Amino acid sequence: MSLRRWLLVLLSFGATTGITAYILWQGFSKPGPHPTLPLWAHGAAFAVVLLEIGTRSIKLHWSAAALHIPLRFMTSLRVCLGGDFAASITPARSGAEPARFLVLAEDGIAPAPSLLILFAELLLETWSLVVLCAVFLFLFRDAGNVLGLMTGMIGGYALLVLTAGTVAYALSRSHANGPPPGWARSLGLHAGRWRAVQRALRSLRTNLAGLRHASLPPMLGAFLASLVHVGLRLAVLPIIALALDPSFSLSSLVLWPLVFLYGGAIAPAPGGGGAVEFGFQYAYADTMSPAVLGGALLWWRFYTFYLYVLLGGLSVGGTVLKALRTQRHGRLHARASKP
């Protein structure tokens, strides 16, 4: 990454930690009891993180097995950690897929199977969100505004991805070759840009064709693993908050994190730039005391963000930075080669 990118990462991380510190200071400056997180809650949250990473790795491993692509479990683990680390230090998580792709390539997986594995993983994640949204609509139907926000943001995202995929597949069957049609030219897609679109459409058609030949049992196992790993990520805040105050409503402790974890991915700054912290304070300012709010935010962010950065950096940090440099050099070469 360039010096400017690293400066952006430092500023964004500084904003996230600064806002957290301010919320903590607000809590500790108020009179009254200041509960601390018990040791058993730390152990439970840490165990959930390890289980979530392991389950996500199993999902990737079983997805590859369903597609008849040999993939070692340890490679799946490195792919997950590499994607987590790259997502945390790039705007809008844009570095996650290049890093995951390079980890697969370093293990000897060819580009086409790598893309197929990552495509299947994204599809499973999207359907997992659809299923969980439906389950939460039933379980927490009295949750109020947060339920509507969760449905609109997460359900809308899933619907957008599935709709875009359907439209792209339809285009891939009729416009994967040949000159740009009239509507594409009206959108500014000249011949060069249209060829790039066609390459993406052909890749999509190949990926979907590969999915049609997938083995059903391991693919169902991968889907169940996807549901479990999302559920484990949502279990961290209930563990922390209920350990600090058992009177909290479970629905808000589950639904708001779903919005933060997946809706916060669209934040342009690495790590959210403080957007998640602001959202957390907005969501729980009326239900948590200032002392509890600061502690819950601090430990929830640690176990859902900072710990992933640490584990990913220690395990595959060098590979991720190599992937980001390769991505940047590729863009610079493409710009230099333009007439």
C-alpha atoms as a PDB file:
ATOM      1  CA  MET A   1       0.000   0.000   0.000  1.00  0.00           C
ATOM      2  CA  SER A   2       1.092   3.576  -0.614  1.00  0.00           C
ATOM      3  CA  LEU A   3       2.046   6.019   2.129  1.00  0.00           C
ATOM      4  CA  ARG A   4      -1.227   7.864   1.543  1.00  0.00           C
ATOM      5  CA  ARG A   5      -3.207   4.653   2.104  1.00  0.00           C
ATOM      6  CA  TRP A   6      -1.338   3.928   5.332  1.00  0.00           C
ATOM      7  CA  LEU A   7      -2.019   7.475   6.505  1.00  0.00           C
ATOM      8  CA  LEU A   8      -5.730   6.947   5.804  1.00  0.00           C
ATOM      9  CA  VAL A   9      -5.648   3.699   7.817  1.00  0.00           C
ATOM     10  CA  LEU A  10      -3.947   5.421  10.755  1.00  0.00           C
ATOM     11  CA  LEU A  11      -6.406   8.320  10.699  1.00  0.00           C
ATOM     12  CA  SER A  12      -9.396   5.979  10.499  1.00  0.00           C
ATOM     13  CA  PHE A  13      -8.157   3.744  13.304  1.00  0.00           C
ATOM     14  CA  GLY A  14      -7.342   6.853  15.320  1.00  0.00           C
ATOM     15  CA  ALA A  15     -10.930   8.030  14.874  1.00  0.00           C
ATOM     16  CA  THR A  16     -12.377   4.678  15.972  1.00  0.00           C
ATOM     17  CA  THR A  17     -10.197   4.460  19.081  1.00  0.00           C
ATOM     18  CA  GLY A  18     -10.656   8.148  19.870  1.00  0.00           C
ATOM     19  CA  ILE A  19     -14.451   7.931  19.777  1.00  0.00           C
ATOM     20  CA  THR A  20     -14.375   4.773  21.903  1.00  0.00           C
ATOM     21  CA  ALA A  21     -12.101   6.493  24.423  1.00  0.00           C
ATOM     22  CA  TYR A  22     -14.448   9.495  24.551  1.00  0.00           C
ATOM     23  CA  ILE A  23     -17.479   7.275  25.200  1.00  0.00           C
ATOM     24  CA  LEU A  24     -15.527   5.435  27.907  1.00  0.00           C
ATOM     25  CA  TRP A  25     -14.498   8.728  29.516  1.00  0.00           C
ATOM     26  CA  GLN A  26     -18.120   9.907  29.505  1.00  0.00           C
ATOM     27  CA  GLY A  27     -19.090   6.770  31.413  1.00  0.00           C
ATOM     28  CA  PHE A  28     -16.302   6.851  33.973  1.00  0.00           C
ATOM     29  CA  SER A  29     -16.774  10.567  34.631  1.00  0.00           C
ATOM     30  CA  LYS A  30     -20.325   9.925  35.862  1.00  0.00           C
ATOM     31  CA  PRO A  31     -20.926   8.967  39.514  1.00  0.00           C
ATOM     32  CA  GLY A  32     -22.238   5.525  40.325  1.00  0.00           C
ATOM     33  CA  PRO A  33     -21.126   1.901  39.848  1.00  0.00           C
ATOM     34  CA  HIS A  34     -18.828   1.030  36.958  1.00  0.00           C
ATOM     35  CA  PRO A  35     -19.245  -2.687  36.188  1.00  0.00           C
ATOM     36  CA  THR A  36     -16.327  -4.606  34.726  1.00  0.00           C
ATOM     37  CA  LEU A  37     -16.545  -7.531  32.354  1.00  0.00           C
ATOM     38  CA  PRO A  38     -15.994 -10.788  34.288  1.00  0.00           C
ATOM     39  CA  LEU A  39     -13.282 -13.199  33.268  1.00  0.00           C
ATOM     40  CA  TRP A  40     -15.759 -15.878  32.167  1.00  0.00           C
ATOM     41  CA  ALA A  41     -17.290 -13.433  29.657  1.00  0.00           C
ATOM     42  CA  HIS A  42     -13.852 -12.734  28.164  1.00  0.00           C
ATOM     43  CA  GLY A  43     -13.266 -16.459  27.850  1.00  0.00           C
ATOM     44  CA  ALA A  44     -16.664 -17.029  26.259  1.00  0.00           C
ATOM     45  CA  ALA A  45     -16.234 -14.167  23.774  1.00  0.00           C
ATOM     46  CA  PHE A  46     -12.745 -15.358  22.819  1.00  0.00           C
ATOM     47  CA  ALA A  47     -14.022 -18.903  22.356  1.00  0.00           C
ATOM     48  CA  VAL A  48     -16.841 -17.618  20.133  1.00  0.00           C
ATOM     49  CA  VAL A  49     -14.303 -15.780  17.949  1.00  0.00           C
ATOM     50  CA  LEU A  50     -12.206 -18.931  17.527  1.00  0.00           C
ATOM     51  CA  LEU A  51     -15.308 -20.992  16.758  1.00  0.00           C
ATOM     52  CA  GLU A  52     -16.509 -18.395  14.245  1.00  0.00           C
ATOM     53  CA  ILE A  53     -13.190 -18.404  12.393  1.00  0.00           C
ATOM     54  CA  GLY A  54     -13.092 -22.204  12.437  1.00  0.00           C
ATOM     55  CA  THR A  55     -16.681 -22.512  11.206  1.00  0.00           C
ATOM     56  CA  ARG A  56     -16.047 -20.014   8.428  1.00  0.00           C
ATOM     57  CA  SER A  57     -12.972 -21.988   7.397  1.00  0.00           C
ATOM     58  CA  ILE A  58     -15.060 -25.176   7.354  1.00  0.00           C
ATOM     59  CA  LYS A  59     -17.588 -23.409   5.139  1.00  0.00           C
ATOM     60  CA  LEU A  60     -14.871 -22.525   2.633  1.00  0.00           C
ATOM     61  CA  HIS A  61     -13.371 -26.020   2.825  1.00  0.00           C
ATOM     62  CA  TRP A  62     -16.729 -27.715   2.249  1.00  0.00           C
ATOM     63  CA  SER A  63     -17.621 -25.276  -0.536  1.00  0.00           C
ATOM     64  CA  ALA A  64     -14.463 -26.287  -2.375  1.00  0.00           C
ATOM     65  CA  ALA A  65     -15.211 -29.965  -1.748  1.00  0.00           C
ATOM     66  CA  ALA A  66     -18.712 -29.525  -3.179  1.00  0.00           C
ATOM     67  CA  LEU A  67     -17.155 -27.993  -6.296  1.00  0.00           C
ATOM     68  CA  HIS A  68     -14.641 -30.892  -6.561  1.00  0.00           C
ATOM     69  CA  ILE A  69     -11.718 -28.543  -5.891  1.00  0.00           C
ATOM     70  CA  PRO A  70      -9.064 -29.864  -3.473  1.00  0.00           C
ATOM     71  CA  LEU A  71      -8.488 -27.294  -0.739  1.00  0.00           C
ATOM     72  CA  ARG A  72      -6.710 -27.918   2.543  1.00  0.00           C
ATOM     73  CA  PHE A  73      -8.391 -26.788   5.751  1.00  0.00           C
ATOM     74  CA  MET A  74      -5.333 -24.744   6.789  1.00  0.00           C
ATOM     75  CA  THR A  75      -5.492 -22.895   3.481  1.00  0.00           C
ATOM     76  CA  SER A  76      -9.170 -22.141   4.126  1.00  0.00           C
ATOM     77  CA  LEU A  77      -8.183 -20.780   7.530  1.00  0.00           C
ATOM     78  CA  ARG A  78      -5.506 -18.552   6.003  1.00  0.00           C
ATOM     79  CA  VAL A  79      -7.972 -17.350   3.344  1.00  0.00           C
ATOM     80  CA  CYS A  80     -10.448 -16.284   6.038  1.00  0.00           C
ATOM     81  CA  LEU A  81      -7.843 -14.524   8.192  1.00  0.00           C
ATOM     82  CA  GLY A  82      -6.256 -12.865   5.173  1.00  0.00           C
ATOM     83  CA  GLY A  83      -9.609 -11.520   4.027  1.00  0.00           C
ATOM     84  CA  ASP A  84     -10.357 -10.214   7.531  1.00  0.00           C
ATOM     85  CA  PHE A  85      -7.036  -8.376   7.761  1.00  0.00           C
ATOM     86  CA  ALA A  86      -7.230  -6.878   4.274  1.00  0.00           C
ATOM     87  CA  ALA A  87     -10.846  -5.808   4.798  1.00  0.00           C
ATOM     88  CA  SER A  88      -9.895  -3.956   7.976  1.00  0.00           C
ATOM     89  CA  ILE A  89      -7.163  -1.831   6.386  1.00  0.00           C
ATOM     90  CA  THR A  90      -8.829  -0.965   3.066  1.00  0.00           C
ATOM     91  CA  PRO A  91     -11.736   1.395   2.280  1.00  0.00           C
ATOM     92  CA  ALA A  92     -15.136  -0.332   2.129  1.00  0.00           C
ATOM     93  CA  ARG A  93     -13.367  -3.691   2.658  1.00  0.00           C
ATOM     94  CA  SER A  94     -12.144  -3.513  -0.950  1.00  0.00           C
ATOM     95  CA  GLY A  95      -8.939  -5.461  -0.313  1.00  0.00           C
ATOM     96  CA  ALA A  96     -10.601  -8.582   1.066  1.00  0.00           C
ATOM     97  CA  GLU A  97     -11.142 -10.486  -2.199  1.00  0.00           C
ATOM     98  CA  PRO A  98      -7.695  -9.759  -3.762  1.00  0.00           C
ATOM     99  CA  ALA A  99      -6.051 -10.973  -0.545  1.00  0.00           C
ATOM    100  CA  ARG A 100      -8.180 -14.111  -0.404  1.00  0.00           C
ATOM    101  CA  PHE A 101      -7.467 -14.772  -4.088  1.00  0.00           C
ATOM    102  CA  LEU A 102      -3.693 -14.489  -3.547  1.00  0.00           C
ATOM    103  CA  VAL A 103      -3.758 -16.847  -0.549  1.00  0.00           C
ATOM    104  CA  LEU A 104      -5.519 -19.410  -2.728  1.00  0.00           C
ATOM    105  CA  ALA A 105      -3.016 -18.821  -5.523  1.00  0.00           C
ATOM    106  CA  GLU A 106      -0.074 -19.348  -3.141  1.00  0.00           C
ATOM    107  CA  ASP A 107      -1.517 -22.752  -2.278  1.00  0.00           C
ATOM    108  CA  GLY A 108      -1.545 -23.705  -5.938  1.00  0.00           C
ATOM    109  CA  ILE A 109      -5.227 -23.103  -6.711  1.00  0.00           C
ATOM    110  CA  ALA A 110      -5.647 -21.901 -10.311  1.00  0.00           C
ATOM    111  CA  PRO A 111      -7.461 -18.588 -10.984  1.00  0.00           C
ATOM    112  CA  ALA A 112     -10.683 -20.108 -12.328  1.00  0.00           C
ATOM    113  CA  PRO A 113     -11.246 -22.500  -9.369  1.00  0.00           C
ATOM    114  CA  SER A 114     -10.286 -19.716  -6.949  1.00  0.00           C
ATOM    115  CA  LEU A 115     -12.919 -17.418  -8.389  1.00  0.00           C
ATOM    116  CA  LEU A 116     -15.461 -20.243  -8.248  1.00  0.00           C
ATOM    117  CA  ILE A 117     -14.713 -20.891  -4.555  1.00  0.00           C
ATOM    118  CA  LEU A 118     -14.996 -17.202  -3.652  1.00  0.00           C
ATOM    119  CA  PHE A 119     -18.168 -16.824  -5.707  1.00  0.00           C
ATOM    120  CA  ALA A 120     -19.795 -19.784  -3.952  1.00  0.00           C
ATOM    121  CA  GLU A 121     -18.766 -18.402  -0.564  1.00  0.00           C
ATOM    122  CA  LEU A 122     -20.345 -15.013  -1.348  1.00  0.00           C
ATOM    123  CA  LEU A 123     -23.541 -16.701  -2.530  1.00  0.00           C
ATOM    124  CA  LEU A 124     -23.764 -18.794   0.651  1.00  0.00           C
ATOM    125  CA  GLU A 125     -23.228 -15.685   2.798  1.00  0.00           C
ATOM    126  CA  THR A 126     -26.000 -13.839   0.980  1.00  0.00           C
ATOM    127  CA  TRP A 127     -28.501 -16.684   1.392  1.00  0.00           C
ATOM    128  CA  SER A 128     -27.507 -17.015   5.045  1.00  0.00           C
ATOM    129  CA  LEU A 129     -28.448 -13.378   5.605  1.00  0.00           C
ATOM    130  CA  VAL A 130     -31.785 -13.913   3.858  1.00  0.00           C
ATOM    131  CA  VAL A 131     -32.598 -16.919   6.065  1.00  0.00           C
ATOM    132  CA  LEU A 132     -31.479 -15.196   9.285  1.00  0.00           C
ATOM    133  CA  CYS A 133     -33.499 -12.076   8.470  1.00  0.00           C
ATOM    134  CA  ALA A 134     -36.575 -14.263   8.041  1.00  0.00           C
ATOM    135  CA  VAL A 135     -35.880 -16.048  11.349  1.00  0.00           C
ATOM    136  CA  PHE A 136     -35.371 -12.769  13.221  1.00  0.00           C
ATOM    137  CA  LEU A 137     -38.543 -11.316  11.732  1.00  0.00           C
ATOM    138  CA  PHE A 138     -40.395 -14.204  13.373  1.00  0.00           C
ATOM    139  CA  LEU A 139     -38.497 -14.345  16.666  1.00  0.00           C
ATOM    140  CA  PHE A 140     -38.265 -10.601  17.312  1.00  0.00           C
ATOM    141  CA  ARG A 141     -41.447  -9.369  15.647  1.00  0.00           C
ATOM    142  CA  ASP A 142     -42.042  -6.925  18.527  1.00  0.00           C
ATOM    143  CA  ALA A 143     -38.571  -5.366  18.312  1.00  0.00           C
ATOM    144  CA  GLY A 144     -39.835  -2.145  16.711  1.00  0.00           C
ATOM    145  CA  ASN A 145     -37.685   0.225  14.642  1.00  0.00           C
ATOM    146  CA  VAL A 146     -34.510  -1.827  14.761  1.00  0.00           C
ATOM    147  CA  LEU A 147     -36.322  -4.751  13.126  1.00  0.00           C
ATOM    148  CA  GLY A 148     -37.396  -2.540  10.239  1.00  0.00           C
ATOM    149  CA  LEU A 149     -33.879  -1.149   9.877  1.00  0.00           C
ATOM    150  CA  MET A 150     -32.389  -4.629   9.926  1.00  0.00           C
ATOM    151  CA  THR A 151     -34.877  -5.866   7.339  1.00  0.00           C
ATOM    152  CA  GLY A 152     -34.404  -2.873   5.075  1.00  0.00           C
ATOM    153  CA  MET A 153     -30.598  -2.826   5.198  1.00  0.00           C
ATOM    154  CA  ILE A 154     -29.638  -6.490   5.321  1.00  0.00           C
ATOM    155  CA  GLY A 155     -32.629  -7.848   3.413  1.00  0.00           C
ATOM    156  CA  GLY A 156     -32.235  -5.082   0.843  1.00  0.00           C
ATOM    157  CA  TYR A 157     -28.537  -5.863   0.445  1.00  0.00           C
ATOM    158  CA  ALA A 158     -29.222  -9.562  -0.051  1.00  0.00           C
ATOM    159  CA  LEU A 159     -32.033  -8.840  -2.494  1.00  0.00           C
ATOM    160  CA  LEU A 160     -29.798  -6.432  -4.425  1.00  0.00           C
ATOM    161  CA  VAL A 161     -27.006  -9.010  -4.703  1.00  0.00           C
ATOM    162  CA  LEU A 162     -29.368 -11.758  -5.837  1.00  0.00           C
ATOM    163  CA  THR A 163     -31.143  -9.470  -8.311  1.00  0.00           C
ATOM    164  CA  ALA A 164     -27.856  -8.216  -9.730  1.00  0.00           C
ATOM    165  CA  GLY A 165     -26.685 -11.802 -10.102  1.00  0.00           C
ATOM    166  CA  THR A 166     -29.891 -12.786 -11.905  1.00  0.00           C
ATOM    167  CA  VAL A 167     -29.643  -9.835 -14.303  1.00  0.00           C
ATOM    168  CA  ALA A 168     -25.952 -10.482 -14.923  1.00  0.00           C
ATOM    169  CA  TYR A 169     -26.633 -14.145 -15.660  1.00  0.00           C
ATOM    170  CA  ALA A 170     -29.342 -13.197 -18.133  1.00  0.00           C
ATOM    171  CA  LEU A 171     -26.911 -10.810 -19.832  1.00  0.00           C
ATOM    172  CA  SER A 172     -24.188 -13.473 -19.864  1.00  0.00           C
ATOM    173  CA  ARG A 173     -26.419 -15.750 -21.951  1.00  0.00           C
ATOM    174  CA  SER A 174     -27.004 -13.165 -24.669  1.00  0.00           C
ATOM    175  CA  HIS A 175     -24.272 -10.516 -24.515  1.00  0.00           C
ATOM    176  CA  ALA A 176     -21.105 -12.353 -23.445  1.00  0.00           C
ATOM    177  CA  ASN A 177     -19.681 -11.851 -26.946  1.00  0.00           C
ATOM    178  CA  GLY A 178     -19.995  -9.324 -29.730  1.00  0.00           C
ATOM    179  CA  PRO A 179     -20.088  -5.507 -29.889  1.00  0.00           C
ATOM    180  CA  PRO A 180     -21.798  -3.407 -27.197  1.00  0.00           C
ATOM    181  CA  PRO A 181     -25.570  -3.097 -27.717  1.00  0.00           C
ATOM    182  CA  GLY A 182     -27.235   0.280 -28.086  1.00  0.00           C
ATOM    183  CA  TRP A 183     -28.259   0.582 -24.421  1.00  0.00           C
ATOM    184  CA  ALA A 184     -24.655  -0.117 -23.324  1.00  0.00           C
ATOM    185  CA  ARG A 185     -23.304   2.598 -25.628  1.00  0.00           C
ATOM    186  CA  SER A 186     -25.858   5.037 -24.234  1.00  0.00           C
ATOM    187  CA  LEU A 187     -24.447   4.340 -20.758  1.00  0.00           C
ATOM    188  CA  GLY A 188     -20.949   5.195 -21.930  1.00  0.00           C
ATOM    189  CA  LEU A 189     -19.743   1.587 -22.247  1.00  0.00           C
ATOM    190  CA  HIS A 190     -17.553   1.849 -25.325  1.00  0.00           C
ATOM    191  CA  ALA A 191     -15.858  -1.184 -26.883  1.00  0.00           C
ATOM    192  CA  GLY A 192     -12.980  -1.338 -24.373  1.00  0.00           C
ATOM    193  CA  ARG A 193     -15.188  -1.081 -21.303  1.00  0.00           C
ATOM    194  CA  TRP A 194     -17.727  -3.455 -22.786  1.00  0.00           C
ATOM    195  CA  ARG A 195     -15.026  -6.104 -23.258  1.00  0.00           C
ATOM    196  CA  ALA A 196     -14.256  -5.852 -19.535  1.00  0.00           C
ATOM    197  CA  VAL A 197     -17.976  -6.287 -18.776  1.00  0.00           C
ATOM    198  CA  GLN A 198     -18.103  -9.285 -21.103  1.00  0.00           C
ATOM    199  CA  ARG A 199     -15.137 -10.918 -19.341  1.00  0.00           C
ATOM    200  CA  ALA A 200     -16.987 -10.537 -16.042  1.00  0.00           C
ATOM    201  CA  LEU A 201     -20.166 -11.961 -17.579  1.00  0.00           C
ATOM    202  CA  ARG A 202     -18.315 -14.973 -18.976  1.00  0.00           C
ATOM    203  CA  SER A 203     -16.702 -15.538 -15.583  1.00  0.00           C
ATOM    204  CA  LEU A 204     -20.119 -15.392 -13.934  1.00  0.00           C
ATOM    205  CA  ARG A 205     -21.549 -17.888 -16.439  1.00  0.00           C
ATOM    206  CA  THR A 206     -18.632 -20.242 -15.807  1.00  0.00           C
ATOM    207  CA  ASN A 207     -19.070 -19.951 -12.037  1.00  0.00           C
ATOM    208  CA  LEU A 208     -22.784 -20.677 -12.209  1.00  0.00           C
ATOM    209  CA  ALA A 209     -22.149 -23.622 -14.500  1.00  0.00           C
ATOM    210  CA  GLY A 210     -19.703 -24.945 -11.931  1.00  0.00           C
ATOM    211  CA  LEU A 211     -22.277 -24.537  -9.168  1.00  0.00           C
ATOM    212  CA  ARG A 212     -24.779 -26.629 -11.129  1.00  0.00           C
ATOM    213  CA  HIS A 213     -22.368 -29.563 -10.947  1.00  0.00           C
ATOM    214  CA  ALA A 214     -21.667 -29.138  -7.229  1.00  0.00           C
ATOM    215  CA  SER A 215     -22.193 -32.046  -4.847  1.00  0.00           C
ATOM    216  CA  LEU A 216     -25.251 -31.393  -2.724  1.00  0.00           C
ATOM    217  CA  PRO A 217     -24.251 -32.857   0.709  1.00  0.00           C
ATOM    218  CA  PRO A 218     -21.047 -30.804   1.200  1.00  0.00           C
ATOM    219  CA  MET A 219     -22.758 -27.702  -0.204  1.00  0.00           C
ATOM    220  CA  LEU A 220     -25.581 -28.082   2.339  1.00  0.00           C
ATOM    221  CA  GLY A 221     -22.950 -28.538   5.027  1.00  0.00           C
ATOM    222  CA  ALA A 222     -21.232 -25.354   3.876  1.00  0.00           C
ATOM    223  CA  PHE A 223     -24.550 -23.495   4.011  1.00  0.00           C
ATOM    224  CA  LEU A 224     -25.198 -24.694   7.566  1.00  0.00           C
ATOM    225  CA  ALA A 225     -21.671 -23.643   8.512  1.00  0.00           C
ATOM    226  CA  SER A 226     -22.411 -20.222   7.013  1.00  0.00           C
ATOM    227  CA  LEU A 227     -25.522 -19.866   9.173  1.00  0.00           C
ATOM    228  CA  VAL A 228     -23.580 -20.915  12.260  1.00  0.00           C
ATOM    229  CA  HIS A 229     -20.678 -18.544  11.709  1.00  0.00           C
ATOM    230  CA  VAL A 230     -22.994 -15.550  11.233  1.00  0.00           C
ATOM    231  CA  GLY A 231     -24.877 -16.568  14.365  1.00  0.00           C
ATOM    232  CA  LEU A 232     -21.609 -16.820  16.318  1.00  0.00           C
ATOM    233  CA  ARG A 233     -20.625 -13.291  15.318  1.00  0.00           C
ATOM    234  CA  LEU A 234     -23.977 -12.051  16.572  1.00  0.00           C
ATOM    235  CA  ALA A 235     -23.505 -13.876  19.897  1.00  0.00           C
ATOM    236  CA  VAL A 236     -20.570 -11.718  21.027  1.00  0.00           C
ATOM    237  CA  LEU A 237     -22.535  -8.643  22.142  1.00  0.00           C
ATOM    238  CA  PRO A 238     -25.180 -10.619  24.093  1.00  0.00           C
ATOM    239  CA  ILE A 239     -22.369 -12.365  26.002  1.00  0.00           C
ATOM    240  CA  ILE A 240     -20.683  -9.058  26.839  1.00  0.00           C
ATOM    241  CA  ALA A 241     -23.758  -6.922  27.522  1.00  0.00           C
ATOM    242  CA  LEU A 242     -25.653  -9.515  29.563  1.00  0.00           C
ATOM    243  CA  ALA A 243     -22.540 -10.100  31.664  1.00  0.00           C
ATOM    244  CA  LEU A 244     -22.537  -6.375  32.456  1.00  0.00           C
ATOM    245  CA  ASP A 245     -26.300  -6.102  32.965  1.00  0.00           C
ATOM    246  CA  PRO A 246     -28.615  -9.153  32.691  1.00  0.00           C
ATOM    247  CA  SER A 247     -31.713  -6.969  32.216  1.00  0.00           C
ATOM    248  CA  PHE A 248     -31.012  -6.017  28.598  1.00  0.00           C
ATOM    249  CA  SER A 249     -33.367  -7.042  25.806  1.00  0.00           C
ATOM    250  CA  LEU A 250     -31.918  -9.870  23.731  1.00  0.00           C
ATOM    251  CA  SER A 251     -33.518  -8.665  20.492  1.00  0.00           C
ATOM    252  CA  SER A 252     -31.657  -5.340  20.411  1.00  0.00           C
ATOM    253  CA  LEU A 253     -28.379  -7.067  21.324  1.00  0.00           C
ATOM    254  CA  VAL A 254     -28.755  -9.341  18.280  1.00  0.00           C
ATOM    255  CA  LEU A 255     -30.360  -7.094  15.662  1.00  0.00           C
ATOM    256  CA  TRP A 256     -28.225  -3.969  16.006  1.00  0.00           C
ATOM    257  CA  PRO A 257     -24.925  -5.879  15.624  1.00  0.00           C
ATOM    258  CA  LEU A 258     -26.283  -7.434  12.449  1.00  0.00           C
ATOM    259  CA  VAL A 259     -26.793  -3.916  11.084  1.00  0.00           C
ATOM    260  CA  PHE A 260     -23.372  -2.723  12.290  1.00  0.00           C
ATOM    261  CA  LEU A 261     -21.362  -5.706  11.075  1.00  0.00           C
ATOM    262  CA  TYR A 262     -22.865  -5.908   7.596  1.00  0.00           C
ATOM    263  CA  GLY A 263     -24.158  -2.385   7.052  1.00  0.00           C
ATOM    264  CA  GLY A 264     -20.898  -0.919   8.327  1.00  0.00           C
ATOM    265  CA  ALA A 265     -19.051  -2.629   5.472  1.00  0.00           C
ATOM    266  CA  ILE A 266     -20.147   0.180   3.145  1.00  0.00           C
ATOM    267  CA  ALA A 267     -18.300   2.819   5.204  1.00  0.00           C
ATOM    268  CA  PRO A 268     -15.579   4.251   2.935  1.00  0.00           C
ATOM    269  CA  ALA A 269     -12.932   4.560   5.666  1.00  0.00           C
ATOM    270  CA  PRO A 270     -10.917   1.512   6.789  1.00  0.00           C
ATOM    271  CA  GLY A 271     -12.431   0.049   9.923  1.00  0.00           C
ATOM    272  CA  GLY A 272     -15.478   2.281   9.566  1.00  0.00           C
ATOM    273  CA  GLY A 273     -13.722   5.490  10.610  1.00  0.00           C
ATOM    274  CA  GLY A 274     -15.849   5.775  13.742  1.00  0.00           C
ATOM    275  CA  ALA A 275     -19.202   5.167  12.015  1.00  0.00           C
ATOM    276  CA  VAL A 276     -19.773   1.914  13.921  1.00  0.00           C
ATOM    277  CA  GLU A 277     -18.954   3.607  17.230  1.00  0.00           C
ATOM    278  CA  PHE A 278     -21.392   6.431  16.522  1.00  0.00           C
ATOM    279  CA  GLY A 279     -24.051   3.902  15.526  1.00  0.00           C
ATOM    280  CA  PHE A 280     -23.467   1.887  18.700  1.00  0.00           C
ATOM    281  CA  GLN A 281     -23.917   4.952  20.885  1.00  0.00           C
ATOM    282  CA  TYR A 282     -27.057   5.949  18.987  1.00  0.00           C
ATOM    283  CA  ALA A 283     -28.550   2.455  19.305  1.00  0.00           C
ATOM    284  CA  TYR A 284     -27.903   1.905  23.010  1.00  0.00           C
ATOM    285  CA  ALA A 285     -27.681   5.368  24.582  1.00  0.00           C
ATOM    286  CA  ASP A 286     -31.260   5.101  25.879  1.00  0.00           C
ATOM    287  CA  THR A 287     -31.000   1.548  27.216  1.00  0.00           C
ATOM    288  CA  MET A 288     -27.449   1.325  28.598  1.00  0.00           C
ATOM    289  CA  SER A 289     -26.013   3.459  31.371  1.00  0.00           C
ATOM    290  CA  PRO A 290     -22.937   5.505  30.284  1.00  0.00           C
ATOM    291  CA  ALA A 291     -20.562   3.211  32.214  1.00  0.00           C
ATOM    292  CA  VAL A 292     -22.012   0.043  30.690  1.00  0.00           C
ATOM    293  CA  LEU A 293     -22.190   1.600  27.205  1.00  0.00           C
ATOM    294  CA  GLY A 294     -18.472   2.368  27.096  1.00  0.00           C
ATOM    295  CA  GLY A 295     -17.411  -1.045  28.354  1.00  0.00           C
ATOM    296  CA  ALA A 296     -19.788  -2.900  26.051  1.00  0.00           C
ATOM    297  CA  LEU A 297     -18.568  -0.905  23.045  1.00  0.00           C
ATOM    298  CA  LEU A 298     -14.894  -1.387  23.894  1.00  0.00           C
ATOM    299  CA  TRP A 299     -15.036  -5.150  24.317  1.00  0.00           C
ATOM    300  CA  TRP A 300     -17.532  -5.756  21.507  1.00  0.00           C
ATOM    301  CA  ARG A 301     -15.277  -3.922  19.030  1.00  0.00           C
ATOM    302  CA  PHE A 302     -12.256  -5.767  20.356  1.00  0.00           C
ATOM    303  CA  TYR A 303     -13.802  -9.201  19.871  1.00  0.00           C
ATOM    304  CA  THR A 304     -15.470  -8.419  16.522  1.00  0.00           C
ATOM    305  CA  PHE A 305     -12.834  -6.203  14.870  1.00  0.00           C
ATOM    306  CA  TYR A 306      -9.481  -5.606  16.570  1.00  0.00           C
ATOM    307  CA  LEU A 307      -8.880  -9.255  17.446  1.00  0.00           C
ATOM    308  CA  TYR A 308      -9.493 -10.234  13.808  1.00  0.00           C
ATOM    309  CA  VAL A 309      -6.999  -7.573  12.695  1.00  0.00           C
ATOM    310  CA  LEU A 310      -4.427  -8.951  15.143  1.00  0.00           C
ATOM    311  CA  LEU A 311      -4.937 -12.613  14.212  1.00  0.00           C
ATOM    312  CA  GLY A 312      -4.976 -11.862  10.487  1.00  0.00           C
ATOM    313  CA  GLY A 313      -1.898  -9.647  10.670  1.00  0.00           C
ATOM    314  CA  LEU A 314       0.108 -12.207  12.640  1.00  0.00           C
ATOM    315  CA  SER A 315      -0.838 -15.132  10.392  1.00  0.00           C
ATOM    316  CA  VAL A 316      -0.972 -13.786   6.841  1.00  0.00           C
ATOM    317  CA  GLY A 317      -0.148 -10.082   7.092  1.00  0.00           C
ATOM    318  CA  GLY A 318       2.772 -10.320   4.652  1.00  0.00           C
ATOM    319  CA  THR A 319       0.662 -12.142   2.066  1.00  0.00           C
ATOM    320  CA  VAL A 320      -2.129  -9.572   2.368  1.00  0.00           C
ATOM    321  CA  LEU A 321       0.215  -6.624   1.878  1.00  0.00           C
ATOM    322  CA  LYS A 322       1.682  -8.387  -1.161  1.00  0.00           C
ATOM    323  CA  ALA A 323      -1.821  -8.788  -2.594  1.00  0.00           C
ATOM    324  CA  LEU A 324      -2.634  -5.119  -2.042  1.00  0.00           C
ATOM    325  CA  ARG A 325       0.638  -4.043  -3.679  1.00  0.00           C
ATOM    326  CA  THR A 326      -0.099  -6.317  -6.634  1.00  0.00           C
ATOM    327  CA  GLN A 327      -3.606  -4.849  -6.923  1.00  0.00           C
ATOM    328  CA  ARG A 328      -2.240  -1.288  -6.857  1.00  0.00           C
ATOM    329  CA  HIS A 329       0.529  -2.019  -9.392  1.00  0.00           C
ATOM    330  CA  GLY A 330      -2.038  -3.638 -11.683  1.00  0.00           C
ATOM    331  CA  ARG A 331      -4.166  -0.486 -11.634  1.00  0.00           C
ATOM    332  CA  LEU A 332      -1.147   1.721 -12.297  1.00  0.00           C
ATOM    333  CA  HIS A 333      -0.069  -0.503 -15.222  1.00  0.00           C
ATOM    334  CA  ALA A 334      -3.587  -0.403 -16.658  1.00  0.00           C
ATOM    335  CA  ARG A 335      -3.611   3.404 -16.502  1.00  0.00           C
ATOM    336  CA  ALA A 336      -0.169   3.653 -18.094  1.00  0.00           C
ATOM    337  CA  SER A 337      -1.158   1.358 -20.960  1.00  0.00           C
ATOM    338  CA  LYS A 338      -4.223   3.443 -21.892  1.00  0.00           C
ATOM    339  CA  PRO A 339      -3.738   5.452 -25.110  1.00  0.00           C
END
